[in-house]
Amino acid sequence: MIEVLNNIDTQLFYFINHHHCTVMDWTMWVLSSRWCWLVVIVSGFVGATLVREPKKWWIVLAGIALCFLLADQGSVQLFKNTVCRLRPCHALPDVHMFREGCGGLYGFISSHAANAFAIATFFFLRYRRWEGKKKGVALIVPIVFVVWAVLTSYSRAYLGKHYPGDLLCGAVFGILVGILINLFINWIEKKLQKNETK
């Protein structure tokens, strides 16, 4: 069964990785870059948090930091260093790469996917029920983050760094992290509100 899944994963990887062109090469490389992440997260933070709840900016910033910490370290310590599945660019021939080396040996699970989906889930859960005059803006923020997380994950297979299975499992892990951090931040906020009313 594992061999069958591995074969499917490999075929899907080659399908994604071998369908490339110059425009897509640059687009996928940009989506994977750190400065693109910075632009997306800062824009979402400013566009939602500082507009809707400027007094709570610090708690949202704490949520973002915790998402990165748990998703990134969890993906490495719980999975990459335990499962030890080689990245496709280390394990397979004829892998298309663009402007980057292969990176670390192991790729299961994808830290990019885990981080992106943790952040996207956190923002989605926090702002999905925004009511009032600014409701339209709030609907844009979760959608943009989900699309960004999907495209960022796709870019990792496109650039030869991860199998689709690495990305799928990374996304699931990231979603779980985002849910947990959202629950934790909500709990903190309720505690703070109780202390203020005393």
N, C-alpha and C. Protein backbone atom coordinates (compact mmCIF):
# COMPACT_ATOMS: atom_id res chain seq x y z
N MET A 1 0.82 -1.21 0.00
CA MET A 1 0.00 0.00 0.00
C MET A 1 0.86 1.27 0.00
N ILE A 2 1.90 1.27 0.84
CA ILE A 2 2.79 2.42 0.92
C ILE A 2 3.50 2.63 -0.42
N GLU A 3 3.90 1.52 -1.06
CA GLU A 3 4.57 1.61 -2.35
C GLU A 3 3.65 2.20 -3.42
N VAL A 4 2.37 1.81 -3.38
CA VAL A 4 1.38 2.33 -4.33
C VAL A 4 1.22 3.84 -4.13
N LEU A 5 1.06 4.26 -2.87
CA LEU A 5 0.91 5.69 -2.56
C LEU A 5 2.16 6.48 -2.98
N ASN A 6 3.32 5.88 -2.76
CA ASN A 6 4.57 6.53 -3.13
C ASN A 6 4.67 6.70 -4.65
N ASN A 7 4.23 5.70 -5.40
CA ASN A 7 4.24 5.78 -6.86
C ASN A 7 3.30 6.87 -7.36
N ILE A 8 2.10 6.95 -6.76
CA ILE A 8 1.13 7.99 -7.12
C ILE A 8 1.70 9.37 -6.82
N ASP A 9 2.31 9.48 -5.64
CA ASP A 9 2.92 10.75 -5.22
C ASP A 9 4.02 11.17 -6.21
N THR A 10 4.82 10.21 -6.63
CA THR A 10 5.91 10.51 -7.56
C THR A 10 5.38 10.95 -8.91
N GLN A 11 4.35 10.27 -9.40
CA GLN A 11 3.77 10.63 -10.70
C GLN A 11 3.14 12.03 -10.64
N LEU A 12 2.45 12.32 -9.55
CA LEU A 12 1.86 13.66 -9.40
C LEU A 12 2.95 14.73 -9.32
N PHE A 13 4.02 14.39 -8.63
CA PHE A 13 5.14 15.33 -8.54
C PHE A 13 5.70 15.65 -9.92
N TYR A 14 5.95 14.62 -10.71
CA TYR A 14 6.50 14.85 -12.05
C TYR A 14 5.53 15.65 -12.93
N PHE A 15 4.24 15.38 -12.77
CA PHE A 15 3.24 16.12 -13.54
C PHE A 15 3.31 17.62 -13.24
N ILE A 16 3.40 17.96 -11.96
CA ILE A 16 3.49 19.37 -11.55
C ILE A 16 4.84 19.97 -11.94
N ASN A 17 5.90 19.24 -11.64
CA ASN A 17 7.25 19.76 -11.81
C ASN A 17 7.66 19.92 -13.28
N HIS A 18 7.11 19.10 -14.16
CA HIS A 18 7.52 19.14 -15.57
C HIS A 18 6.65 20.04 -16.43
N HIS A 19 5.57 20.57 -15.88
CA HIS A 19 4.75 21.54 -16.62
C HIS A 19 5.19 22.94 -16.21
N HIS A 20 6.22 23.44 -16.89
CA HIS A 20 6.76 24.73 -16.49
C HIS A 20 7.03 25.61 -17.70
N CYS A 21 7.11 26.90 -17.42
CA CYS A 21 7.47 27.90 -18.43
C CYS A 21 8.14 29.05 -17.68
N THR A 22 8.69 30.00 -18.39
CA THR A 22 9.44 31.09 -17.77
C THR A 22 8.60 31.92 -16.80
N VAL A 23 7.38 32.26 -17.23
CA VAL A 23 6.50 33.07 -16.38
C VAL A 23 6.16 32.33 -15.10
N MET A 24 5.84 31.04 -15.22
CA MET A 24 5.51 30.24 -14.03
C MET A 24 6.73 30.04 -13.15
N ASP A 25 7.90 29.86 -13.76
CA ASP A 25 9.13 29.72 -12.97
C ASP A 25 9.30 30.90 -12.01
N TRP A 26 9.19 32.09 -12.56
CA TRP A 26 9.37 33.29 -11.74
C TRP A 26 8.25 33.47 -10.73
N THR A 27 7.02 33.19 -11.16
CA THR A 27 5.86 33.33 -10.25
C THR A 27 5.98 32.40 -9.06
N MET A 28 6.32 31.14 -9.31
CA MET A 28 6.43 30.15 -8.23
C MET A 28 7.62 30.48 -7.33
N TRP A 29 8.70 30.97 -7.92
CA TRP A 29 9.87 31.34 -7.12
C TRP A 29 9.53 32.51 -6.19
N VAL A 30 8.80 33.50 -6.72
CA VAL A 30 8.38 34.64 -5.90
C VAL A 30 7.48 34.18 -4.76
N LEU A 31 6.52 33.30 -5.04
CA LEU A 31 5.60 32.82 -4.01
C LEU A 31 6.33 32.08 -2.89
N SER A 32 7.44 31.44 -3.22
CA SER A 32 8.20 30.71 -2.20
C SER A 32 9.16 31.59 -1.41
N SER A 33 9.40 32.80 -1.89
CA SER A 33 10.41 33.66 -1.27
C SER A 33 9.93 34.26 0.05
N ARG A 34 10.88 34.56 0.91
CA ARG A 34 10.56 35.10 2.24
C ARG A 34 9.94 36.48 2.16
N TRP A 35 10.41 37.31 1.23
CA TRP A 35 9.88 38.67 1.16
C TRP A 35 8.44 38.68 0.67
N CYS A 36 8.05 37.68 -0.12
CA CYS A 36 6.65 37.57 -0.53
C CYS A 36 5.78 37.26 0.69
N TRP A 37 6.27 36.35 1.54
CA TRP A 37 5.56 36.03 2.78
C TRP A 37 5.39 37.28 3.63
N LEU A 38 6.45 38.05 3.75
CA LEU A 38 6.41 39.26 4.56
C LEU A 38 5.37 40.24 4.03
N VAL A 39 5.32 40.42 2.72
CA VAL A 39 4.35 41.33 2.11
C VAL A 39 2.92 40.87 2.37
N VAL A 40 2.66 39.58 2.17
CA VAL A 40 1.31 39.04 2.34
C VAL A 40 0.86 39.16 3.80
N ILE A 41 1.71 38.75 4.74
CA ILE A 41 1.33 38.75 6.15
C ILE A 41 1.17 40.17 6.69
N VAL A 42 2.10 41.05 6.34
CA VAL A 42 1.99 42.44 6.79
C VAL A 42 0.74 43.10 6.20
N SER A 43 0.46 42.84 4.93
CA SER A 43 -0.74 43.40 4.28
C SER A 43 -2.01 42.91 4.96
N GLY A 44 -2.06 41.62 5.26
CA GLY A 44 -3.23 41.07 5.95
C GLY A 44 -3.37 41.63 7.35
N PHE A 45 -2.25 41.76 8.04
CA PHE A 45 -2.25 42.30 9.39
C PHE A 45 -2.74 43.74 9.40
N VAL A 46 -2.20 44.56 8.49
CA VAL A 46 -2.60 45.96 8.41
C VAL A 46 -4.04 46.09 7.92
N GLY A 47 -4.38 45.31 6.88
CA GLY A 47 -5.71 45.42 6.27
C GLY A 47 -6.84 44.91 7.13
N ALA A 48 -6.55 44.02 8.05
CA ALA A 48 -7.61 43.47 8.90
C ALA A 48 -7.47 43.93 10.34
N THR A 49 -6.36 43.56 10.97
CA THR A 49 -6.19 43.82 12.40
C THR A 49 -6.17 45.31 12.72
N LEU A 50 -5.34 46.06 12.02
CA LEU A 50 -5.20 47.48 12.34
C LEU A 50 -6.42 48.29 11.93
N VAL A 51 -7.25 47.74 11.03
CA VAL A 51 -8.49 48.42 10.63
C VAL A 51 -9.63 48.05 11.57
N ARG A 52 -9.74 46.77 11.88
CA ARG A 52 -10.88 46.32 12.67
C ARG A 52 -10.66 46.44 14.17
N GLU A 53 -9.53 45.99 14.62
CA GLU A 53 -9.27 45.94 16.07
C GLU A 53 -7.86 46.43 16.40
N PRO A 54 -7.61 47.72 16.19
CA PRO A 54 -6.25 48.25 16.39
C PRO A 54 -5.72 48.09 17.81
N LYS A 55 -6.60 48.04 18.79
CA LYS A 55 -6.15 47.87 20.18
C LYS A 55 -5.68 46.45 20.47
N LYS A 56 -6.04 45.51 19.60
CA LYS A 56 -5.65 44.11 19.82
C LYS A 56 -4.52 43.67 18.89
N TRP A 57 -3.82 44.62 18.30
CA TRP A 57 -2.77 44.28 17.34
C TRP A 57 -1.74 43.33 17.94
N TRP A 58 -1.43 43.54 19.22
CA TRP A 58 -0.38 42.76 19.85
C TRP A 58 -0.77 41.29 20.03
N ILE A 59 -2.06 41.05 20.27
CA ILE A 59 -2.48 39.66 20.48
C ILE A 59 -2.56 38.91 19.16
N VAL A 60 -2.91 39.63 18.08
CA VAL A 60 -2.91 39.01 16.75
C VAL A 60 -1.46 38.73 16.33
N LEU A 61 -0.58 39.65 16.62
CA LEU A 61 0.85 39.46 16.32
C LEU A 61 1.40 38.26 17.08
N ALA A 62 0.96 38.10 18.34
CA ALA A 62 1.37 36.93 19.13
C ALA A 62 0.85 35.65 18.50
N GLY A 63 -0.39 35.69 17.99
CA GLY A 63 -0.96 34.52 17.32
C GLY A 63 -0.18 34.14 16.08
N ILE A 64 0.21 35.13 15.29
CA ILE A 64 1.00 34.87 14.08
C ILE A 64 2.35 34.24 14.46
N ALA A 65 3.00 34.81 15.47
CA ALA A 65 4.30 34.29 15.92
C ALA A 65 4.18 32.85 16.41
N LEU A 66 3.12 32.56 17.17
CA LEU A 66 2.92 31.20 17.67
C LEU A 66 2.64 30.21 16.54
N CYS A 67 1.89 30.66 15.53
CA CYS A 67 1.63 29.80 14.37
C CYS A 67 2.94 29.42 13.69
N PHE A 68 3.80 30.41 13.48
CA PHE A 68 5.10 30.14 12.86
C PHE A 68 5.94 29.21 13.72
N LEU A 69 5.98 29.48 15.00
CA LEU A 69 6.81 28.70 15.91
C LEU A 69 6.38 27.23 15.93
N LEU A 70 5.09 26.99 16.14
CA LEU A 70 4.61 25.61 16.26
C LEU A 70 4.61 24.88 14.93
N ALA A 71 4.17 25.55 13.86
CA ALA A 71 4.12 24.89 12.56
C ALA A 71 5.52 24.59 12.04
N ASP A 72 6.41 25.56 12.16
CA ASP A 72 7.77 25.37 11.63
C ASP A 72 8.54 24.33 12.43
N GLN A 73 8.59 24.50 13.74
CA GLN A 73 9.34 23.56 14.57
C GLN A 73 8.68 22.18 14.61
N GLY A 74 7.35 22.16 14.62
CA GLY A 74 6.64 20.88 14.60
C GLY A 74 6.90 20.11 13.32
N SER A 75 6.91 20.80 12.19
CA SER A 75 7.14 20.13 10.91
C SER A 75 8.54 19.51 10.85
N VAL A 76 9.49 20.17 11.49
CA VAL A 76 10.87 19.68 11.48
C VAL A 76 11.08 18.59 12.54
N GLN A 77 10.76 18.91 13.79
CA GLN A 77 11.07 18.00 14.89
C GLN A 77 10.17 16.76 14.93
N LEU A 78 8.89 16.93 14.63
CA LEU A 78 7.95 15.80 14.70
C LEU A 78 7.95 14.95 13.43
N PHE A 79 8.29 15.55 12.29
CA PHE A 79 8.15 14.83 11.03
C PHE A 79 9.46 14.70 10.24
N LYS A 80 10.04 15.82 9.82
CA LYS A 80 11.23 15.73 8.96
C LYS A 80 12.33 14.89 9.60
N ASN A 81 12.64 15.17 10.86
CA ASN A 81 13.74 14.47 11.52
C ASN A 81 13.35 13.07 12.01
N THR A 82 12.08 12.73 11.89
CA THR A 82 11.60 11.41 12.33
C THR A 82 11.35 10.48 11.14
N VAL A 83 10.61 11.00 10.15
CA VAL A 83 10.26 10.19 8.98
C VAL A 83 11.45 10.04 8.03
N CYS A 84 12.23 11.13 7.88
CA CYS A 84 13.44 11.11 7.05
C CYS A 84 13.18 10.73 5.59
N ARG A 85 12.13 11.29 5.02
CA ARG A 85 11.83 11.05 3.61
C ARG A 85 12.60 12.07 2.76
N LEU A 86 13.40 11.58 1.84
CA LEU A 86 14.21 12.46 1.01
C LEU A 86 13.34 13.36 0.14
N ARG A 87 13.80 14.59 -0.06
CA ARG A 87 13.14 15.48 -1.00
C ARG A 87 13.25 14.88 -2.40
N PRO A 88 12.27 15.17 -3.27
CA PRO A 88 12.35 14.61 -4.62
C PRO A 88 13.60 15.06 -5.38
N CYS A 89 14.07 16.29 -5.12
CA CYS A 89 15.28 16.76 -5.81
C CYS A 89 16.52 16.02 -5.34
N HIS A 90 16.47 15.33 -4.20
CA HIS A 90 17.57 14.49 -3.75
C HIS A 90 17.37 13.03 -4.16
N ALA A 91 16.12 12.64 -4.43
CA ALA A 91 15.82 11.23 -4.65
C ALA A 91 15.53 10.84 -6.10
N LEU A 92 15.10 11.82 -6.91
CA LEU A 92 14.64 11.49 -8.26
C LEU A 92 15.52 12.13 -9.33
N PRO A 93 15.59 11.48 -10.50
CA PRO A 93 16.30 12.10 -11.63
C PRO A 93 15.39 13.09 -12.36
N ASP A 94 15.99 13.96 -13.15
CA ASP A 94 15.26 14.85 -14.05
C ASP A 94 14.24 15.73 -13.32
N VAL A 95 14.68 16.37 -12.24
CA VAL A 95 13.81 17.28 -11.48
C VAL A 95 14.11 18.71 -11.92
N HIS A 96 13.08 19.46 -12.28
CA HIS A 96 13.23 20.85 -12.70
C HIS A 96 13.39 21.75 -11.49
N MET A 97 14.53 22.48 -11.44
CA MET A 97 14.79 23.42 -10.37
C MET A 97 14.89 24.82 -10.97
N PHE A 98 14.66 25.84 -10.14
CA PHE A 98 14.77 27.22 -10.64
C PHE A 98 15.32 28.14 -9.56
N ARG A 99 16.53 28.66 -9.79
CA ARG A 99 17.16 29.68 -8.95
C ARG A 99 17.42 29.25 -7.50
N GLU A 100 17.32 27.98 -7.19
CA GLU A 100 17.55 27.52 -5.82
C GLU A 100 18.23 26.16 -5.85
N GLY A 101 18.95 25.87 -4.76
CA GLY A 101 19.45 24.52 -4.58
C GLY A 101 18.34 23.65 -3.99
N CYS A 102 18.67 22.41 -3.75
CA CYS A 102 17.64 21.49 -3.26
C CYS A 102 17.27 21.74 -1.80
N GLY A 103 18.22 22.22 -1.02
CA GLY A 103 17.92 22.44 0.40
C GLY A 103 18.26 21.23 1.24
N GLY A 104 17.64 21.14 2.43
CA GLY A 104 17.89 20.03 3.33
C GLY A 104 17.52 18.69 2.72
N LEU A 105 18.01 17.63 3.31
CA LEU A 105 17.77 16.29 2.77
C LEU A 105 16.30 15.89 2.80
N TYR A 106 15.61 16.22 3.89
CA TYR A 106 14.28 15.65 4.11
C TYR A 106 13.16 16.65 3.84
N GLY A 107 12.05 16.11 3.31
CA GLY A 107 10.95 16.97 2.90
C GLY A 107 9.59 16.66 3.47
N PHE A 108 9.45 15.61 4.25
CA PHE A 108 8.14 15.27 4.82
C PHE A 108 8.12 15.65 6.30
N ILE A 109 7.29 16.63 6.64
CA ILE A 109 6.30 17.35 5.83
C ILE A 109 6.86 18.69 5.40
N SER A 110 6.16 19.37 4.48
CA SER A 110 6.61 20.67 4.00
C SER A 110 6.40 21.75 5.06
N SER A 111 7.49 22.39 5.45
CA SER A 111 7.38 23.50 6.42
C SER A 111 6.69 24.70 5.79
N HIS A 112 6.92 24.93 4.50
CA HIS A 112 6.24 26.03 3.81
C HIS A 112 4.72 25.83 3.88
N ALA A 113 4.27 24.62 3.57
CA ALA A 113 2.83 24.34 3.60
C ALA A 113 2.28 24.45 5.01
N ALA A 114 3.01 23.90 5.98
CA ALA A 114 2.56 23.96 7.38
C ALA A 114 2.44 25.40 7.86
N ASN A 115 3.47 26.20 7.60
CA ASN A 115 3.45 27.60 8.03
C ASN A 115 2.35 28.40 7.34
N ALA A 116 2.26 28.24 6.02
CA ALA A 116 1.27 29.01 5.25
C ALA A 116 -0.15 28.67 5.68
N PHE A 117 -0.45 27.39 5.86
CA PHE A 117 -1.81 27.01 6.24
C PHE A 117 -2.11 27.32 7.70
N ALA A 118 -1.09 27.31 8.56
CA ALA A 118 -1.31 27.72 9.95
C ALA A 118 -1.72 29.19 10.00
N ILE A 119 -0.99 30.05 9.29
CA ILE A 119 -1.30 31.48 9.24
C ILE A 119 -2.66 31.71 8.58
N ALA A 120 -2.90 31.04 7.46
CA ALA A 120 -4.16 31.20 6.73
C ALA A 120 -5.35 30.79 7.59
N THR A 121 -5.21 29.67 8.31
CA THR A 121 -6.30 29.19 9.17
C THR A 121 -6.55 30.16 10.32
N PHE A 122 -5.47 30.65 10.92
CA PHE A 122 -5.60 31.61 12.02
C PHE A 122 -6.36 32.86 11.57
N PHE A 123 -5.97 33.43 10.44
CA PHE A 123 -6.64 34.62 9.92
C PHE A 123 -8.08 34.30 9.50
N PHE A 124 -8.28 33.14 8.88
CA PHE A 124 -9.62 32.75 8.43
C PHE A 124 -10.58 32.65 9.62
N LEU A 125 -10.16 31.96 10.65
CA LEU A 125 -11.03 31.78 11.83
C LEU A 125 -11.26 33.10 12.57
N ARG A 126 -10.26 33.95 12.58
CA ARG A 126 -10.40 35.21 13.33
C ARG A 126 -11.31 36.20 12.62
N TYR A 127 -11.28 36.22 11.29
CA TYR A 127 -11.99 37.27 10.56
C TYR A 127 -13.13 36.80 9.67
N ARG A 128 -13.52 35.53 9.78
CA ARG A 128 -14.57 35.03 8.89
C ARG A 128 -15.95 35.58 9.23
N ARG A 129 -16.15 36.08 10.43
CA ARG A 129 -17.48 36.56 10.85
C ARG A 129 -17.50 38.07 11.08
N TRP A 130 -16.70 38.78 10.36
CA TRP A 130 -16.64 40.23 10.49
C TRP A 130 -17.95 40.83 10.01
N GLU A 131 -18.61 41.56 10.87
CA GLU A 131 -19.91 42.15 10.55
C GLU A 131 -19.79 43.67 10.38
N GLY A 132 -20.85 44.26 9.90
CA GLY A 132 -20.91 45.72 9.81
C GLY A 132 -20.41 46.26 8.48
N LYS A 133 -20.05 47.52 8.47
CA LYS A 133 -19.66 48.21 7.24
C LYS A 133 -18.41 47.63 6.60
N LYS A 134 -17.53 47.07 7.40
CA LYS A 134 -16.26 46.57 6.88
C LYS A 134 -16.29 45.07 6.59
N LYS A 135 -17.49 44.51 6.50
CA LYS A 135 -17.62 43.07 6.30
C LYS A 135 -16.97 42.63 4.99
N GLY A 136 -17.14 43.43 3.92
CA GLY A 136 -16.57 43.09 2.62
C GLY A 136 -15.06 42.96 2.66
N VAL A 137 -14.42 43.88 3.37
CA VAL A 137 -12.96 43.83 3.51
C VAL A 137 -12.56 42.57 4.24
N ALA A 138 -13.31 42.22 5.27
CA ALA A 138 -12.98 41.05 6.08
C ALA A 138 -13.10 39.76 5.30
N LEU A 139 -14.06 39.69 4.39
CA LEU A 139 -14.22 38.49 3.58
C LEU A 139 -13.02 38.31 2.65
N ILE A 140 -12.44 39.41 2.22
CA ILE A 140 -11.30 39.34 1.31
C ILE A 140 -10.08 38.75 2.01
N VAL A 141 -9.85 39.15 3.26
CA VAL A 141 -8.65 38.73 3.98
C VAL A 141 -8.53 37.21 4.11
N PRO A 142 -9.57 36.50 4.62
CA PRO A 142 -9.44 35.04 4.71
C PRO A 142 -9.27 34.37 3.35
N ILE A 143 -9.98 34.87 2.34
CA ILE A 143 -9.90 34.27 1.00
C ILE A 143 -8.49 34.44 0.43
N VAL A 144 -7.94 35.65 0.57
CA VAL A 144 -6.59 35.90 0.07
C VAL A 144 -5.57 34.99 0.74
N PHE A 145 -5.69 34.80 2.05
CA PHE A 145 -4.75 33.96 2.77
C PHE A 145 -4.86 32.49 2.38
N VAL A 146 -6.07 32.01 2.16
CA VAL A 146 -6.25 30.61 1.74
C VAL A 146 -5.67 30.40 0.34
N VAL A 147 -5.96 31.31 -0.58
CA VAL A 147 -5.41 31.21 -1.95
C VAL A 147 -3.89 31.27 -1.90
N TRP A 148 -3.35 32.20 -1.09
CA TRP A 148 -1.90 32.31 -0.94
C TRP A 148 -1.29 31.02 -0.41
N ALA A 149 -1.92 30.39 0.58
CA ALA A 149 -1.40 29.14 1.15
C ALA A 149 -1.40 28.02 0.12
N VAL A 150 -2.46 27.93 -0.68
CA VAL A 150 -2.56 26.89 -1.71
C VAL A 150 -1.48 27.10 -2.78
N LEU A 151 -1.34 28.33 -3.26
CA LEU A 151 -0.35 28.62 -4.31
C LEU A 151 1.08 28.45 -3.80
N THR A 152 1.32 28.86 -2.56
CA THR A 152 2.65 28.69 -1.97
C THR A 152 3.01 27.21 -1.88
N SER A 153 2.06 26.41 -1.45
CA SER A 153 2.29 24.96 -1.35
C SER A 153 2.56 24.36 -2.73
N TYR A 154 1.75 24.75 -3.70
CA TYR A 154 1.94 24.26 -5.07
C TYR A 154 3.33 24.62 -5.59
N SER A 155 3.80 25.81 -5.24
CA SER A 155 5.10 26.25 -5.72
C SER A 155 6.23 25.34 -5.26
N ARG A 156 6.06 24.70 -4.14
CA ARG A 156 7.13 23.85 -3.61
C ARG A 156 7.31 22.57 -4.43
N ALA A 157 6.22 22.02 -4.95
CA ALA A 157 6.34 20.88 -5.87
C ALA A 157 6.84 21.35 -7.23
N TYR A 158 6.33 22.49 -7.66
CA TYR A 158 6.74 23.06 -8.95
C TYR A 158 8.25 23.29 -8.98
N LEU A 159 8.80 23.77 -7.86
CA LEU A 159 10.24 24.08 -7.78
C LEU A 159 11.10 22.86 -7.42
N GLY A 160 10.46 21.69 -7.29
CA GLY A 160 11.20 20.45 -7.07
C GLY A 160 11.56 20.14 -5.64
N LYS A 161 10.98 20.87 -4.70
CA LYS A 161 11.36 20.73 -3.29
C LYS A 161 10.57 19.66 -2.53
N HIS A 162 9.30 19.44 -2.95
CA HIS A 162 8.44 18.54 -2.19
C HIS A 162 7.53 17.71 -3.09
N TYR A 163 7.22 16.52 -2.61
CA TYR A 163 6.17 15.70 -3.22
C TYR A 163 4.82 16.31 -2.84
N PRO A 164 3.78 16.08 -3.65
CA PRO A 164 2.43 16.54 -3.27
C PRO A 164 1.98 16.01 -1.91
N GLY A 165 2.38 14.78 -1.57
CA GLY A 165 2.03 14.22 -0.26
C GLY A 165 2.64 14.99 0.89
N ASP A 166 3.86 15.49 0.69
CA ASP A 166 4.51 16.34 1.71
C ASP A 166 3.68 17.60 1.94
N LEU A 167 3.16 18.14 0.84
CA LEU A 167 2.40 19.39 0.89
C LEU A 167 1.03 19.17 1.54
N LEU A 168 0.37 18.08 1.15
CA LEU A 168 -0.95 17.79 1.71
C LEU A 168 -0.87 17.57 3.22
N CYS A 169 0.10 16.77 3.64
CA CYS A 169 0.25 16.50 5.08
C CYS A 169 0.71 17.75 5.83
N GLY A 170 1.55 18.55 5.19
CA GLY A 170 1.96 19.82 5.79
C GLY A 170 0.79 20.76 5.96
N ALA A 171 -0.10 20.79 4.95
CA ALA A 171 -1.29 21.64 5.03
C ALA A 171 -2.21 21.21 6.16
N VAL A 172 -2.42 19.91 6.30
CA VAL A 172 -3.28 19.38 7.38
C VAL A 172 -2.69 19.74 8.74
N PHE A 173 -1.38 19.55 8.88
CA PHE A 173 -0.72 19.89 10.14
C PHE A 173 -0.85 21.39 10.42
N GLY A 174 -0.64 22.20 9.40
CA GLY A 174 -0.76 23.65 9.56
C GLY A 174 -2.16 24.08 9.96
N ILE A 175 -3.17 23.46 9.36
CA ILE A 175 -4.56 23.77 9.71
C ILE A 175 -4.83 23.46 11.18
N LEU A 176 -4.33 22.32 11.63
CA LEU A 176 -4.50 21.94 13.05
C LEU A 176 -3.82 22.95 13.97
N VAL A 177 -2.61 23.37 13.59
CA VAL A 177 -1.88 24.38 14.38
C VAL A 177 -2.66 25.68 14.41
N GLY A 178 -3.18 26.12 13.26
CA GLY A 178 -3.95 27.35 13.19
C GLY A 178 -5.19 27.32 14.06
N ILE A 179 -5.87 26.17 14.07
CA ILE A 179 -7.06 26.01 14.92
C ILE A 179 -6.69 26.10 16.39
N LEU A 180 -5.62 25.40 16.78
CA LEU A 180 -5.19 25.41 18.18
C LEU A 180 -4.77 26.80 18.64
N ILE A 181 -4.03 27.50 17.80
CA ILE A 181 -3.59 28.85 18.16
C ILE A 181 -4.78 29.79 18.26
N ASN A 182 -5.74 29.65 17.36
CA ASN A 182 -6.94 30.49 17.41
C ASN A 182 -7.71 30.26 18.71
N LEU A 183 -7.85 28.99 19.11
CA LEU A 183 -8.53 28.66 20.37
C LEU A 183 -7.77 29.25 21.56
N PHE A 184 -6.44 29.13 21.52
CA PHE A 184 -5.61 29.65 22.60
C PHE A 184 -5.73 31.17 22.71
N ILE A 185 -5.67 31.87 21.58
CA ILE A 185 -5.78 33.33 21.57
C ILE A 185 -7.16 33.77 22.06
N ASN A 186 -8.20 33.05 21.65
CA ASN A 186 -9.56 33.36 22.13
C ASN A 186 -9.66 33.20 23.64
N TRP A 187 -9.03 32.16 24.15
CA TRP A 187 -9.02 31.90 25.60
C TRP A 187 -8.30 33.03 26.34
N ILE A 188 -7.16 33.45 25.80
CA ILE A 188 -6.41 34.57 26.39
C ILE A 188 -7.26 35.83 26.42
N GLU A 189 -7.94 36.11 25.32
CA GLU A 189 -8.77 37.31 25.24
C GLU A 189 -9.90 37.29 26.26
N LYS A 190 -10.52 36.13 26.44
CA LYS A 190 -11.60 36.01 27.44
C LYS A 190 -11.07 36.22 28.85
N LYS A 191 -9.89 35.69 29.12
CA LYS A 191 -9.26 35.88 30.43
C LYS A 191 -8.99 37.37 30.69
N LEU A 192 -8.48 38.04 29.68
CA LEU A 192 -8.18 39.46 29.80
C LEU A 192 -9.46 40.29 30.02
N GLN A 193 -10.53 39.91 29.31
CA GLN A 193 -11.81 40.62 29.47
C GLN A 193 -12.37 40.44 30.87
N LYS A 194 -12.23 39.22 31.41
CA LYS A 194 -12.71 38.97 32.77
C LYS A 194 -11.94 39.80 33.78
N ASN A 195 -10.63 39.89 33.58
CA ASN A 195 -9.79 40.67 34.50
C ASN A 195 -10.12 42.16 34.43
N GLU A 196 -10.50 42.63 33.24
CA GLU A 196 -10.84 44.05 33.08
C GLU A 196 -12.17 44.40 33.74
N THR A 197 -13.09 43.44 33.79
CA THR A 197 -14.42 43.69 34.38
C THR A 197 -14.42 43.54 35.90
N LYS A 198 -13.36 42.98 36.46
CA LYS A 198 -13.30 42.81 37.92
C LYS A 198 -13.01 44.14 38.61
